[in-house]
């Protein structure tokens, strides 16, 4: 109804940390210990695009390391405890 009346309607619920769906996919794979090259192959994107996503993820989460990003993923239910790799 709101949409029909011209009001703004939020179609997608917000993700943890303000991450996009693709950034969450990258974060989960990265937290599981996959390399940027492996993530790129898995998601059919370039390694450079993975790097760009990781830069955005680190900035949005305010972290500087893979471990801190993985901890964020665990705390927000994106991966299970013990699923992350060093």
C-alpha atoms as a PDB file:
ATOM      1  CA  UNK A   1       0.000   0.000   0.000  1.00  0.00           C
ATOM      2  CA  UNK A   2       2.713   2.444   0.930  1.00  0.00           C
ATOM      3  CA  UNK A   3       4.468   1.816  -2.363  1.00  0.00           C
ATOM      4  CA  UNK A   4       1.270   2.454  -4.305  1.00  0.00           C
ATOM      5  CA  UNK A   5       0.733   5.694  -2.377  1.00  0.00           C
ATOM      6  CA  UNK A   6       4.161   6.920  -3.444  1.00  0.00           C
ATOM      7  CA  UNK A   7       5.903   6.389  -0.119  1.00  0.00           C
ATOM      8  CA  UNK A   8       9.365   4.977   0.091  1.00  0.00           C
ATOM      9  CA  UNK A   9       9.298   1.296   0.998  1.00  0.00           C
ATOM     10  CA  UNK A  10      12.373  -0.566   2.173  1.00  0.00           C
ATOM     11  CA  UNK A  11      12.395  -3.718   0.085  1.00  0.00           C
ATOM     12  CA  UNK A  12      15.402  -5.450   1.614  1.00  0.00           C
ATOM     13  CA  UNK A  13      16.100  -5.612   5.317  1.00  0.00           C
ATOM     14  CA  UNK A  14      19.461  -4.166   6.293  1.00  0.00           C
ATOM     15  CA  UNK A  15      22.375  -6.518   6.682  1.00  0.00           C
ATOM     16  CA  UNK A  16      24.760  -6.525   9.617  1.00  0.00           C
ATOM     17  CA  UNK A  17      27.273  -3.710   9.424  1.00  0.00           C
ATOM     18  CA  UNK A  18      25.520  -2.167   6.438  1.00  0.00           C
ATOM     19  CA  UNK A  19      27.040  -4.793   4.151  1.00  0.00           C
ATOM     20  CA  UNK A  20      25.511  -5.643   0.792  1.00  0.00           C
ATOM     21  CA  UNK A  21      24.443  -9.187  -0.021  1.00  0.00           C
ATOM     22  CA  UNK A  22      27.546  -9.643  -2.212  1.00  0.00           C
ATOM     23  CA  UNK A  23      29.816  -8.280   0.522  1.00  0.00           C
ATOM     24  CA  UNK A  24      28.355 -10.810   2.948  1.00  0.00           C
ATOM     25  CA  UNK A  25      29.020 -13.610   0.444  1.00  0.00           C
ATOM     26  CA  UNK A  26      32.633 -12.451   0.113  1.00  0.00           C
ATOM     27  CA  UNK A  27      33.026 -12.038   3.885  1.00  0.00           C
ATOM     28  CA  UNK A  28      31.725 -15.543   4.605  1.00  0.00           C
ATOM     29  CA  UNK A  29      34.090 -17.164   2.101  1.00  0.00           C
ATOM     30  CA  UNK A  30      37.014 -15.015   3.255  1.00  0.00           C
ATOM     31  CA  UNK A  31      36.257 -15.884   6.888  1.00  0.00           C
ATOM     32  CA  UNK A  32      36.326 -19.570   5.985  1.00  0.00           C
ATOM     33  CA  UNK A  33      39.945 -19.125   4.902  1.00  0.00           C
ATOM     34  CA  UNK A  34      39.517 -18.946   1.138  1.00  0.00           C
ATOM     35  CA  UNK A  35      42.004 -16.829  -0.795  1.00  0.00           C
ATOM     36  CA  UNK A  36      40.827 -13.883  -2.868  1.00  0.00           C
ATOM     37  CA  UNK A  37      41.556 -15.898  -6.004  1.00  0.00           C
ATOM     38  CA  UNK A  38      39.453 -18.832  -4.726  1.00  0.00           C
ATOM     39  CA  UNK A  39      36.601 -16.483  -3.812  1.00  0.00           C
ATOM     40  CA  UNK A  40      36.759 -14.926  -7.268  1.00  0.00           C
ATOM     41  CA  UNK A  41      36.498 -18.343  -8.910  1.00  0.00           C
ATOM     42  CA  UNK A  42      33.674 -19.440  -6.612  1.00  0.00           C
ATOM     43  CA  UNK A  43      31.611 -16.281  -7.223  1.00  0.00           C
ATOM     44  CA  UNK A  44      32.623 -15.903 -10.883  1.00  0.00           C
ATOM     45  CA  UNK A  45      34.090 -12.441 -10.403  1.00  0.00           C
ATOM     46  CA  UNK A  46      37.619 -11.089 -10.747  1.00  0.00           C
ATOM     47  CA  UNK A  47      40.159 -11.170  -7.926  1.00  0.00           C
ATOM     48  CA  UNK A  48      40.362  -7.389  -8.224  1.00  0.00           C
ATOM     49  CA  UNK A  49      36.614  -7.164  -7.550  1.00  0.00           C
ATOM     50  CA  UNK A  50      37.055  -9.375  -4.481  1.00  0.00           C
ATOM     51  CA  UNK A  51      39.782  -6.998  -3.270  1.00  0.00           C
ATOM     52  CA  UNK A  52      37.452  -4.032  -3.756  1.00  0.00           C
ATOM     53  CA  UNK A  53      34.706  -5.813  -1.804  1.00  0.00           C
ATOM     54  CA  UNK A  54      37.146  -6.607   1.010  1.00  0.00           C
ATOM     55  CA  UNK A  55      38.257  -2.959   1.186  1.00  0.00           C
ATOM     56  CA  UNK A  56      34.608  -1.900   1.511  1.00  0.00           C
ATOM     57  CA  UNK A  57      33.938  -4.594   4.112  1.00  0.00           C
ATOM     58  CA  UNK A  58      36.926  -3.581   6.228  1.00  0.00           C
ATOM     59  CA  UNK A  59      35.893   0.080   6.033  1.00  0.00           C
ATOM     60  CA  UNK A  60      32.245  -0.584   6.880  1.00  0.00           C
ATOM     61  CA  UNK A  61      33.130  -2.857   9.790  1.00  0.00           C
ATOM     62  CA  UNK A  62      35.994  -0.715  11.032  1.00  0.00           C
ATOM     63  CA  UNK A  63      38.409  -3.646  11.057  1.00  0.00           C
ATOM     64  CA  UNK A  64      41.930  -4.162   9.725  1.00  0.00           C
ATOM     65  CA  UNK A  65      42.398  -7.928   9.603  1.00  0.00           C
ATOM     66  CA  UNK A  66      40.901 -11.187   8.399  1.00  0.00           C
ATOM     67  CA  UNK A  67      40.564 -12.328  12.004  1.00  0.00           C
ATOM     68  CA  UNK A  68      38.578  -9.257  13.028  1.00  0.00           C
ATOM     69  CA  UNK A  69      36.328  -9.633   9.980  1.00  0.00           C
ATOM     70  CA  UNK A  70      35.789 -13.330  10.789  1.00  0.00           C
ATOM     71  CA  UNK A  71      34.956 -12.450  14.393  1.00  0.00           C
ATOM     72  CA  UNK A  72      32.341  -9.974  13.141  1.00  0.00           C
ATOM     73  CA  UNK A  73      30.891 -12.703  10.885  1.00  0.00           C
ATOM     74  CA  UNK A  74      30.686 -15.144  13.809  1.00  0.00           C
ATOM     75  CA  UNK A  75      29.133 -12.603  16.164  1.00  0.00           C
ATOM     76  CA  UNK A  76      26.446 -11.796  13.612  1.00  0.00           C
ATOM     77  CA  UNK A  77      25.576 -15.399  12.756  1.00  0.00           C
ATOM     78  CA  UNK A  78      27.055 -15.311   9.264  1.00  0.00           C
ATOM     79  CA  UNK A  79      29.333 -18.281  10.001  1.00  0.00           C
ATOM     80  CA  UNK A  80      29.386 -20.814  12.815  1.00  0.00           C
ATOM     81  CA  UNK A  81      31.993 -20.726  15.547  1.00  0.00           C
ATOM     82  CA  UNK A  82      34.815 -23.002  14.450  1.00  0.00           C
ATOM     83  CA  UNK A  83      33.963 -22.498  10.793  1.00  0.00           C
ATOM     84  CA  UNK A  84      36.466 -19.663  10.386  1.00  0.00           C
ATOM     85  CA  UNK A  85      40.031 -20.508   9.523  1.00  0.00           C
ATOM     86  CA  UNK A  86      43.278 -18.619  10.188  1.00  0.00           C
END
